[in-house]
Protein backbone atom coordinates (compact mmCIF):
# COMPACT_ATOMS: atom_id res chain seq x y z
CA MET A 1 -6.19 -9.03 80.30
CA GLY A 2 -8.22 -8.03 76.52
CA LEU A 3 -4.02 -7.10 75.09
CA ALA A 4 -2.74 -10.96 76.40
CA LEU A 5 -6.40 -12.38 75.09
CA VAL A 6 -5.83 -11.22 71.10
CA MET A 7 -2.02 -11.88 71.80
CA THR A 8 -2.52 -14.82 71.94
CA VAL A 9 -4.87 -15.68 69.32
CA LEU A 10 -2.43 -13.93 67.14
CA LEU A 11 0.27 -16.08 68.36
CA SER A 12 -1.78 -19.18 67.63
CA GLY A 13 -2.30 -18.43 64.07
CA CYS A 14 -0.74 -18.14 60.67
CA LEU A 15 2.40 -16.02 62.04
CA PHE A 16 3.74 -19.25 63.87
CA ARG A 17 2.87 -21.47 61.18
CA SER A 18 5.34 -23.85 59.96
CA PRO A 19 7.70 -22.78 56.37
CA ASP A 20 6.20 -25.39 54.87
CA ASP A 21 2.00 -24.46 55.67
CA LEU A 22 3.24 -20.50 54.26
CA TYR A 23 4.48 -22.44 51.69
CA ARG A 24 1.87 -25.47 50.57
CA GLN A 25 0.04 -24.71 47.66
CA PRO A 26 -3.62 -23.82 47.32
CA GLU A 27 -5.73 -27.49 47.31
CA ARG A 28 -7.39 -28.28 44.40
CA SER A 29 -10.75 -28.79 44.10
CA VAL A 30 -12.48 -32.84 44.35
CA GLY A 31 -14.44 -31.92 40.81
CA TYR A 32 -10.19 -30.78 39.25
CA GLU A 33 -9.15 -33.91 40.98
CA LYS A 34 -11.71 -36.28 39.00
CA LEU A 35 -11.03 -34.07 36.21
CA ASN A 36 -7.56 -34.78 35.89
CA ALA A 37 -7.98 -38.55 36.50
CA ALA A 38 -10.43 -38.77 33.30
CA ILE A 39 -7.43 -37.27 31.57
CA ARG A 40 -5.42 -39.58 32.89
CA ALA A 41 -7.50 -42.96 32.14
CA VAL A 42 -7.81 -42.09 28.60
CA ARG A 43 -4.50 -41.38 28.13
CA THR A 44 -3.01 -44.55 29.37
CA GLY A 45 -6.14 -46.24 27.67
CA LEU A 46 -4.39 -44.61 24.59
CA GLU A 47 -0.70 -46.13 24.36
CA GLY A 48 -1.92 -49.15 26.44
CA GLU A 49 -3.65 -49.16 22.91
CA PHE A 50 -1.21 -47.88 20.13
CA GLY A 51 1.94 -48.28 21.95
CA VAL A 52 3.48 -44.99 21.94
CA ARG A 53 3.76 -42.16 24.24
CA VAL A 54 0.99 -39.93 24.20
CA GLU A 55 1.40 -36.03 23.97
CA ASP A 56 -0.12 -33.14 25.24
CA VAL A 57 -1.39 -30.52 22.05
CA THR A 58 -0.38 -26.98 22.13
CA ILE A 59 -3.65 -24.04 20.21
CA MET A 60 -1.41 -21.94 18.76
CA ALA A 61 -4.01 -19.27 18.05
CA GLY A 62 -7.37 -17.85 18.94
CA ASP A 63 -9.53 -17.58 22.38
CA ASN A 64 -9.39 -21.20 22.76
CA THR A 65 -5.74 -22.15 23.80
CA ALA A 66 -5.85 -23.76 27.19
CA THR A 67 -4.89 -27.62 28.28
CA ILE A 68 -8.01 -28.07 29.21
CA GLN A 69 -10.41 -25.79 28.33
CA LEU A 70 -13.97 -25.25 30.29
CA GLN A 71 -17.21 -24.48 27.66
CA ASP A 72 -20.61 -24.16 27.75
CA LEU A 73 -21.37 -26.60 25.08
CA ASP A 74 -25.02 -26.74 25.90
CA GLY A 75 -26.00 -23.36 25.87
CA ASP A 76 -27.24 -23.62 29.63
CA GLY A 77 -25.06 -20.84 31.02
CA LEU A 78 -22.72 -23.48 32.83
CA ARG A 79 -19.67 -24.70 31.77
CA GLU A 80 -20.70 -28.18 32.18
CA SER A 81 -18.10 -29.77 29.92
CA ALA A 82 -14.20 -29.79 29.58
CA VAL A 83 -11.88 -30.26 26.44
CA THR A 84 -8.23 -31.12 26.23
CA VAL A 85 -6.21 -32.21 22.96
CA LEU A 86 -3.63 -35.18 22.41
CA ARG A 87 -1.59 -36.59 20.32
CA VAL A 88 -0.98 -40.12 19.25
CA PRO A 89 2.60 -39.69 17.09
CA GLY A 90 2.50 -42.86 13.85
CA ILE A 91 -1.42 -43.01 13.71
CA GLU A 92 -3.46 -42.19 10.35
CA LYS A 93 -4.91 -39.49 12.24
CA PRO A 94 -2.63 -38.26 15.37
CA ILE A 95 -4.20 -35.77 17.28
CA LYS A 96 -7.84 -36.33 19.16
CA ILE A 97 -9.70 -33.95 20.65
CA TYR A 98 -11.52 -35.08 24.09
CA ILE A 99 -15.03 -33.34 25.09
CA PHE A 100 -15.59 -34.50 29.18
CA THR A 101 -18.74 -33.13 30.39
CA GLN A 102 -19.62 -33.61 34.41
CA VAL A 103 -21.96 -35.94 35.78
CA GLY A 104 -22.45 -35.46 39.39
CA GLU A 105 -18.99 -35.24 40.82
CA GLU A 106 -17.23 -37.09 37.90
CA TYR A 107 -15.93 -36.09 34.57
CA VAL A 108 -16.37 -38.44 31.88
CA VAL A 109 -16.44 -38.65 27.87
CA THR A 110 -18.96 -37.04 25.72
CA GLY A 111 -17.75 -36.49 22.39
CA VAL A 112 -14.23 -37.23 20.27
CA VAL A 113 -13.38 -35.36 17.27
CA GLU A 114 -10.37 -36.92 15.61
CA GLY A 115 -7.99 -34.76 13.15
CA GLU A 116 -4.57 -35.24 10.91
CA GLY A 117 -2.31 -32.67 11.03
CA THR A 118 0.87 -31.44 13.38
CA ALA A 119 -1.26 -29.08 16.01
CA ILE A 120 -3.71 -27.20 16.16
CA TYR A 121 -3.88 -23.91 14.46
CA ALA A 122 -7.22 -22.53 16.31
CA MET A 123 -10.53 -24.19 17.74
CA ASP A 124 -13.44 -22.59 18.45
CA TYR A 125 -16.89 -23.19 19.65
CA ALA A 126 -20.20 -21.77 18.01
CA GLN A 127 -24.29 -22.97 17.80
CA LEU A 128 -24.30 -22.95 13.49
CA ASN A 129 -27.32 -25.94 13.37
CA GLY A 130 -29.57 -24.32 15.62
CA GLU A 131 -29.72 -27.30 18.18
CA GLY A 132 -28.25 -29.88 20.24
CA ARG A 133 -24.94 -29.17 21.58
CA LYS A 134 -22.48 -26.22 20.11
CA GLU A 135 -20.53 -27.53 16.84
CA VAL A 136 -16.83 -27.68 17.28
CA ALA A 137 -14.45 -25.50 14.51
CA VAL A 138 -11.02 -26.88 13.92
CA ASN A 139 -7.84 -25.21 12.10
CA TRP A 140 -5.15 -28.10 12.00
CA GLN A 141 -2.29 -27.11 10.69
CA ILE A 142 -1.26 -29.97 8.00
CA SER A 143 2.08 -28.98 8.03
CA SER A 144 3.68 -25.27 8.36
CA GLY A 145 1.68 -22.61 6.10
CA ALA A 146 -0.93 -25.54 5.29
CA TYR A 147 -4.21 -25.23 7.04
CA GLN A 148 -7.88 -26.84 6.79
CA LEU A 149 -11.17 -26.18 9.19
CA GLY A 150 -12.92 -28.60 10.58
CA VAL A 151 -16.52 -28.42 11.46
CA TYR A 152 -17.62 -30.99 13.38
CA THR A 153 -20.53 -32.04 15.43
CA LEU A 154 -21.48 -34.03 17.93
CA ASP A 155 -25.38 -34.33 17.45
CA ASP A 156 -24.93 -37.58 16.44
CA ILE A 157 -23.59 -39.36 18.91
CA ASP A 158 -25.70 -41.40 21.10
CA LEU A 159 -26.22 -39.53 24.78
CA PRO A 160 -27.82 -41.22 27.64
CA GLY A 161 -31.78 -39.86 27.97
CA GLU A 162 -32.68 -37.28 30.59
CA GLY A 163 -35.07 -39.95 32.24
CA LEU A 164 -31.84 -42.18 33.74
CA SER A 165 -29.88 -41.09 37.65
CA GLU A 166 -25.92 -40.14 37.60
CA GLU A 167 -25.54 -44.11 37.95
CA GLU A 168 -27.26 -45.02 35.29
CA ALA A 169 -26.33 -42.32 32.77
CA LEU A 170 -22.21 -42.66 34.00
CA THR A 171 -22.62 -47.13 33.28
CA VAL A 172 -24.15 -45.80 29.62
CA LEU A 173 -21.49 -43.40 29.09
CA ARG A 174 -18.21 -45.56 30.27
CA GLY A 175 -19.96 -48.48 27.93
CA LEU A 176 -19.24 -46.35 25.15
CA SER A 177 -16.39 -46.86 23.18
CA ARG A 178 -14.27 -44.32 21.03
CA SER A 179 -15.96 -44.74 17.75
CA ASP A 180 -19.62 -44.15 19.44
CA LEU A 181 -18.46 -40.90 20.43
CA MET A 182 -17.05 -39.88 17.39
CA GLY A 183 -18.04 -36.19 15.90
CA THR A 184 -19.34 -36.15 12.79
CA GLU A 185 -17.55 -34.16 10.09
CA ARG A 186 -20.12 -31.83 8.84
CA LEU A 187 -17.32 -29.37 6.73
CA LEU A 188 -13.20 -29.60 5.70
CA THR A 189 -11.69 -27.11 3.43
CA ARG A 190 -8.27 -25.54 2.98
CA CYS A 191 -7.62 -22.49 4.86
CA SER A 192 -5.61 -19.42 5.22
CA VAL A 193 -3.83 -17.61 7.98
CA ALA A 194 -2.50 -14.30 8.86
CA SER A 195 0.88 -13.33 9.53
CA ASP A 196 0.18 -11.87 12.95
CA GLY A 197 -1.44 -14.62 14.20
CA SER A 198 -5.16 -14.07 13.04
CA SER A 199 -7.33 -17.55 12.23
CA GLY A 200 -8.31 -17.82 8.96
CA CYS A 201 -11.61 -19.01 10.34
CA ARG A 202 -14.58 -16.49 11.72
CA LEU A 203 -17.50 -17.00 13.49
CA LEU A 204 -20.36 -14.72 12.75
CA ASP A 205 -23.85 -14.07 12.05
CA MET A 206 -23.25 -12.62 8.76
CA ASP A 207 -27.25 -12.58 7.77
CA ARG A 208 -28.52 -12.18 11.50
CA ASP A 209 -31.00 -14.80 11.75
CA THR A 210 -29.30 -16.05 14.72
CA ARG A 211 -27.35 -19.23 14.01
CA THR A 212 -24.09 -18.49 13.24
CA GLU A 213 -21.41 -18.62 9.91
CA LEU A 214 -18.19 -19.46 9.04
CA LEU A 215 -15.92 -16.72 6.99
CA VAL A 216 -13.06 -18.78 5.70
CA THR A 217 -10.21 -16.92 4.61
CA ARG A 218 -8.08 -18.76 1.09
CA MET A 219 -4.60 -17.02 -0.37
CA ASP A 220 -3.64 -18.20 -3.39
CA ALA A 221 -0.03 -19.04 -3.49
CA GLY A 222 0.31 -17.20 -6.84
CA GLY A 223 -1.22 -13.95 -5.78
CA LEU A 224 -3.93 -14.80 -8.33
CA SER A 225 -7.28 -15.18 -6.98
CA SER A 226 -7.49 -14.86 -2.85
CA GLN A 227 -10.90 -15.62 -1.48
CA VAL A 228 -13.32 -15.01 1.53
CA GLU A 229 -15.74 -17.85 1.53
CA LEU A 230 -18.95 -18.25 3.82
CA TYR A 231 -20.22 -21.43 4.80
CA GLY A 232 -23.40 -22.16 6.40
CA TRP A 233 -26.02 -24.68 7.71
CA LYS A 234 -28.89 -25.82 4.69
CA ASP A 235 -30.84 -28.73 4.95
CA GLY A 236 -29.19 -30.80 7.54
CA ALA A 237 -25.79 -29.71 6.19
CA MET A 238 -23.22 -26.94 6.02
CA VAL A 239 -22.75 -25.73 3.05
CA SER A 240 -21.28 -22.46 0.42
CA ARG A 241 -23.28 -19.62 1.15
CA GLY A 242 -21.21 -17.33 -1.53
CA LEU A 243 -17.61 -16.68 -2.43
CA THR A 244 -16.15 -13.39 -3.29
CA GLU A 245 -12.83 -12.44 -4.37
CA LEU A 246 -10.17 -10.41 -2.43
CA SER A 247 -7.87 -7.83 -4.01
CA ALA A 248 -5.62 -10.05 -7.03
CA GLY A 249 -2.44 -9.75 -6.45
CA ILE A 250 -2.11 -11.08 -2.64
CA THR A 251 1.06 -12.45 -1.06
CA ALA A 252 0.58 -12.66 2.11
CA MET A 253 -2.14 -12.20 4.19
CA SER A 254 -1.35 -9.79 7.01
CA ARG A 255 -4.61 -9.37 9.52
CA ILE A 256 -7.65 -10.72 9.77
CA ARG A 257 -10.55 -8.78 11.87
CA ASN A 258 -14.13 -9.30 12.71
CA ASN A 259 -16.28 -6.06 13.10
CA TYR A 260 -18.79 -3.96 11.42
CA LEU A 261 -19.89 -1.66 8.63
CA GLY A 262 -21.00 1.89 9.46
CA GLY A 263 -24.65 2.52 9.11
CA GLU A 264 -27.73 1.29 11.44
CA PHE A 265 -27.47 -2.32 11.30
CA ASP A 266 -24.82 -3.23 12.87
CA GLN A 267 -24.14 -5.15 9.56
CA PRO A 268 -21.38 -7.80 10.54
CA ALA A 269 -18.10 -7.22 8.34
CA LEU A 270 -14.32 -9.22 7.67
CA TYR A 271 -11.57 -6.47 7.52
CA VAL A 272 -8.67 -8.81 5.90
CA SER A 273 -5.12 -6.43 5.74
CA SER A 274 -2.60 -8.05 2.98
CA THR A 275 0.17 -7.62 1.50
CA LEU A 276 0.82 -6.71 -2.32
CA ALA A 277 3.52 -8.01 -4.67
CA ASP A 278 4.62 -4.27 -4.70
CA GLY A 279 4.76 -3.73 -1.22
CA ARG A 280 1.00 -1.62 -0.95
CA ARG A 281 -0.90 -2.92 2.10
CA ALA A 282 -4.33 -3.76 0.14
CA ILE A 283 -7.80 -3.91 3.31
CA ASP A 284 -10.66 -5.82 1.90
CA VAL A 285 -13.64 -4.96 3.37
CA VAL A 286 -16.24 -7.93 2.96
CA SER A 287 -19.91 -8.46 4.32
CA TYR A 288 -23.26 -9.67 3.70
CA VAL A 289 -25.08 -7.85 1.84
CA ASP A 290 -29.04 -7.77 -0.19
CA GLY A 291 -28.59 -12.20 0.31
CA ALA A 292 -24.49 -12.01 -0.99
CA LEU A 293 -21.39 -11.75 -0.03
CA THR A 294 -20.00 -8.76 -1.23
CA ASN A 295 -16.30 -7.61 -1.41
CA VAL A 296 -17.83 -3.49 -0.39
CA SER A 297 -14.74 -1.95 -0.77
CA MET A 298 -12.95 -3.63 -4.29
CA GLY A 299 -12.73 -1.39 -6.91
CA ALA A 300 -13.02 -1.62 -10.68
CA GLU A 301 -9.36 -2.71 -11.41
CA GLY A 302 -10.02 -6.04 -8.86
CA VAL A 303 -7.84 -4.14 -6.24
CA SER A 304 -9.59 -2.98 -2.87
CA ARG A 305 -10.25 0.81 -3.47
CA GLU A 306 -8.37 0.95 0.54
CA ILE A 307 -4.64 0.80 -0.55
CA VAL A 308 -1.91 2.05 2.48
CA GLN A 309 1.72 2.97 0.99
CA GLY A 310 4.31 4.38 2.69
CA TYR A 311 3.18 4.27 5.95
CA THR A 312 2.31 1.00 6.95
CA GLU A 313 2.37 1.12 10.83
CA ILE A 314 -1.24 1.74 11.15
CA ASN A 315 -3.94 -0.57 11.17
CA PRO A 316 -7.84 -0.33 10.69
CA THR A 317 -8.97 1.07 14.61
CA ASP A 318 -11.75 2.69 16.10
CA ILE A 319 -11.24 5.69 16.30
CA ASN A 320 -13.68 7.25 17.36
CA ARG A 321 -15.12 4.76 19.76
CA ASP A 322 -18.29 4.21 18.18
CA MET A 323 -17.83 -0.07 18.06
CA VAL A 324 -17.12 0.58 14.38
CA VAL A 325 -13.69 -0.01 13.07
CA GLU A 326 -11.64 2.81 10.63
CA LEU A 327 -10.15 2.36 7.39
CA PRO A 328 -6.88 4.88 7.74
CA SER A 329 -6.33 6.85 4.67
CA PRO A 330 -2.65 8.33 4.90
CA THR A 331 -1.81 11.78 3.26
CA LEU A 332 2.01 12.92 2.98
CA LEU A 333 2.58 16.66 4.23
CA PRO A 334 4.41 19.17 2.15
CA THR A 335 8.20 19.94 2.81
CA TYR A 336 9.50 23.03 2.48
CA GLY A 337 13.01 23.86 1.41
CA GLU A 338 15.48 20.91 2.92
CA SER A 339 13.43 19.92 5.59
CA THR A 340 13.38 16.80 7.77
CA SER A 341 10.02 16.76 7.87
CA SER A 342 9.52 14.39 4.21
CA ASN A 343 8.26 11.46 6.09
CA PHE A 344 5.29 13.22 8.12
CA TRP A 345 0.98 12.40 7.56
CA LEU A 346 -2.09 13.23 8.49
CA ILE A 347 -4.45 10.33 8.29
CA ASP A 348 -7.99 10.53 7.09
CA TRP A 349 -10.16 8.18 8.80
CA GLY A 350 -13.66 6.43 7.25
CA GLN A 351 -16.16 3.67 7.16
CA TYR A 352 -17.64 1.48 4.96
CA ASP A 353 -21.77 0.98 4.39
CA GLN A 354 -23.46 -1.46 3.08
CA GLN A 355 -23.78 0.82 -0.35
CA GLY A 356 -19.79 0.81 -0.88
CA ASN A 357 -19.49 4.36 0.40
CA ARG A 358 -16.26 5.39 2.54
CA ASN A 359 -17.98 7.84 4.40
CA HIS A 360 -15.13 10.73 5.92
CA VAL A 361 -15.04 10.37 9.98
CA LEU A 362 -12.14 12.36 10.92
CA THR A 363 -8.79 13.00 10.52
CA THR A 364 -5.56 12.80 12.66
CA TYR A 365 -1.81 13.10 12.84
CA HIS A 366 -0.42 9.61 14.89
CA ASN A 367 3.16 9.52 16.13
CA MET A 368 3.97 6.35 16.75
CA SER A 369 7.24 6.67 17.85
CA ASP A 370 6.29 8.99 20.77
CA GLY A 371 3.11 6.92 21.47
CA TRP A 372 0.42 9.77 21.02
CA TYR A 373 -2.08 11.06 18.25
CA LEU A 374 -4.06 14.55 17.58
CA GLU A 375 -7.32 14.85 16.29
CA ILE A 376 -7.56 17.70 13.14
CA PRO A 377 -9.29 20.37 12.74
CA GLU A 378 -10.86 20.65 9.29
CA ASN A 379 -10.01 23.88 8.83
CA TRP A 380 -6.30 23.26 9.08
CA ARG A 381 -6.31 20.62 6.22
CA ASP A 382 -4.41 21.84 2.93
CA GLN A 383 -2.72 24.43 5.91
CA ILE A 384 0.06 22.48 7.96
CA THR A 385 3.16 21.10 8.31
CA ILE A 386 4.98 19.02 11.38
CA SER A 387 8.20 18.68 12.15
CA ARG A 388 10.31 17.53 15.10
CA ASN A 389 13.18 18.79 17.33
CA ASP A 390 15.00 16.49 19.38
CA GLN A 391 18.20 18.80 20.17
CA VAL A 392 17.15 18.54 24.20
CA THR A 393 17.73 15.52 26.03
CA GLY A 394 15.26 14.03 27.54
CA ARG A 395 12.09 16.09 25.08
CA ARG A 396 10.91 15.24 22.15
CA GLU A 397 9.11 18.36 20.49
CA VAL A 398 6.69 17.97 17.48
CA ILE A 399 6.57 21.40 15.95
CA PHE A 400 2.76 22.38 13.75
CA SER A 401 3.39 25.00 11.06
CA HIS A 402 1.27 26.82 9.11
CA TRP A 403 1.50 26.14 5.62
CA ARG A 404 3.07 29.11 3.59
CA GLY A 405 3.19 27.90 -0.06
CA GLU A 406 6.75 26.15 -0.61
CA ASP A 407 8.02 29.64 -1.19
CA GLN A 408 7.37 31.01 2.15
CA GLU A 409 8.63 29.54 5.40
CA PRO A 410 6.17 27.58 7.47
CA GLN A 411 5.52 29.44 10.21
CA PRO A 412 5.34 27.56 13.35
CA PHE A 413 2.00 28.20 15.86
CA LEU A 414 1.92 24.50 17.96
CA SER A 415 4.66 22.55 19.78
CA VAL A 416 3.58 18.98 21.71
CA TYR A 417 5.77 17.75 23.25
CA ARG A 418 6.81 14.24 24.91
CA MET A 419 9.47 14.79 27.93
CA SER A 420 10.66 13.03 31.38
CA SER A 421 8.59 14.19 34.66
CA SER A 422 11.76 14.95 35.92
CA GLN A 423 11.72 17.75 33.34
CA SER A 424 8.09 19.11 34.78
CA SER A 425 10.05 22.17 36.18
CA SER A 426 10.12 22.92 32.65
CA LEU A 427 6.69 23.99 32.85
CA GLU A 428 6.10 27.42 33.34
CA GLY A 429 4.27 30.56 31.45
CA ASP A 430 1.60 28.77 28.41
CA TRP A 431 1.66 25.29 29.24
CA THR A 432 -1.02 23.05 28.88
CA VAL A 433 -1.25 19.77 29.88
CA LEU A 434 -2.14 16.79 27.91
CA ARG A 435 -1.63 13.10 29.81
CA GLU A 436 0.79 12.14 33.15
CA ASP A 437 1.72 8.68 32.66
CA GLU A 438 4.34 7.01 34.42
CA ASN A 439 7.78 8.74 33.94
CA VAL A 440 6.24 10.73 30.60
CA ILE A 441 4.51 13.81 30.73
CA TYR A 442 2.85 15.43 27.28
CA ALA A 443 2.62 18.22 27.47
CA ALA A 444 2.04 21.85 24.60
CA ARG A 445 1.83 25.64 24.09
CA PHE A 446 1.43 27.83 21.14
CA TRP A 447 3.61 29.95 19.78
CA PRO A 448 3.47 34.13 20.49
CA GLY A 449 1.89 35.64 17.26
CA GLY A 450 1.96 32.31 15.35
CA TRP A 451 -1.16 31.55 12.93
CA ASN A 452 -4.85 31.70 14.53
CA CYS A 453 -5.50 27.67 13.98
CA GLY A 454 -8.89 28.04 15.95
CA LEU A 455 -7.88 26.01 19.08
CA ASP A 456 -6.75 26.76 22.80
CA GLY A 457 -5.91 24.66 25.41
CA LEU A 458 -8.86 22.67 26.39
CA ASP A 459 -9.23 22.41 22.68
CA LEU A 460 -5.97 20.17 22.45
CA LEU A 461 -6.79 18.37 26.35
CA LYS A 462 -9.97 17.32 24.02
CA ARG A 463 -8.73 16.03 21.18
CA PHE A 464 -5.23 14.82 22.86
CA ASN A 465 -4.84 11.10 23.06
CA THR A 466 -2.51 8.33 23.68
CA ILE A 467 -1.91 5.33 21.30
CA GLN A 468 -3.12 1.95 23.04
CA ALA A 469 -0.86 -0.73 21.89
CA SER A 470 -3.93 -3.72 21.76
CA TRP A 471 -5.52 -1.15 19.57
CA TYR A 472 -2.94 -1.95 16.67
CA TYR A 473 -2.79 -6.21 17.28
CA GLU A 474 -6.29 -7.09 18.77
C-alpha cells in the first residue's frame, strides 16, 4: 500500500509532464518585465522623436559590459538602478545612456548621459565628489583608435524628495523631460587604451582620502611624450591633480594594470606596459608620492628602468601572492658549445616602493610552453644552465645542469618532466610527482652523482607551480 502511494505521487509529478512544460524557459520576474517595459517605452519614444530605428550599444571592455547593468548608485548596498545604452543614428550626440531607478514595483528614468562617438569602449561608476549618487565615467570611442574620457554627475538632477509617496514620486519623475534628467559633464579629455583591451582610465583612491580619483593614460602618436594624468574633485569641480611622463619612444600601450607599491602603506599604483620603437618593452610604475603624481620607475634618460628585451612572454605578476605585483627582469643563461639552450632565461622578480627602490623578491625559471615554473634558490645564481629533451613521444624534459665554465661540459643534476597520464607507469625509482592535472603529470628526478644543489623532493614540491593564465591577461 505504501509503495503504491509513493508510485502514485511520483507518476503524477514531473515524470509525466508534457514536453512543452519540461522545456519551457523559467518565468521572468515581475521586476524584470517592468524594467523591460520601461526600456521599450524609452526606445519607442526616441524612435518617434527622431524618426530612425534605435540600436543597442555594445560596451567593448571593462567590468561593465552587460546590455542591462544593475548598479548601486546611491551607495546603500542595494542595486536599485539599472543602466542601458542606446544609439540614435544620424544625430549630434547619438549614444544615450539611460539610468532607471526602481520606485515600488516600477522602473522610471532618473538620469541620462549623452555622448558623441561610434561606440562605448568602457564605463564605470564611482563616488568622485564625495556626496550624492556615484558619478558615471565613460570612455567614448570617437573613431578607430581615438577615445575620450567623459565624467558625468547625476547630483544636479532635481529628483523628488523623500517625503512623497510612491505614486507621487512616479508622477513627478514621469513628468520630467530628457533635458531635465541630463547628467552634468564634469570632465572630457583625450584618453588612450592598451592593445590587450585594458581601458586607459583607472578609478583609484590615489591619495587615500576615501574619495576616488581618475588616472588617464595618453599615448603620443609620434612616441615623444606619452603621459598619465590624475584628476580629482576639488572646489566643486574635477581638476587635474598631477601629470607624469611615461617612457619616451612608446609606439603602443600593450597592458594597463592597477595594483600597489611594495611597503606597509598599500599605496595604489598604475603599471603601464608599452612597446618601444626598437621592439623592447618598457614597464612604467606610476603612483602618488608626497602629494605628486610620480613615475617611480623612470630612469635618467626618460625611459623606465624596467626594460624587457628578448623575453616578452612574461608580464607583471603577483608571483609571491602578497597582493603586490612584481616586475620581471629576464637574464639569459649561458650555453655550452653547440647547445640548443640559447633561449633559456631566469626571471628576477622585484617590487617598487614609494622611494623608487626596486626590491628583489625571488627568481624563477618559467616554462611557458609546458605551463610551469620553478622558484630558483639564490645559490643557483651563476651556477646553472638549462636544456631540454623532447625525444620521447608524449614526454617533455627540462634538464638543469651545473655550469662549470665555457670550456667544460655542464653536469646535469635535475630533470623536470611534463608527460601524459598514460605514461605514469614509467615513474619508478627516485621520482617525485610534483603535480597531477587532468591528463597531465609533472614529475622530477635528481641525477645520480649530480651537483649538490641543496634541494630534495619536498623542496621541489614547495617551489614548483603551474602557470595560471589569468595572471597574464587580467
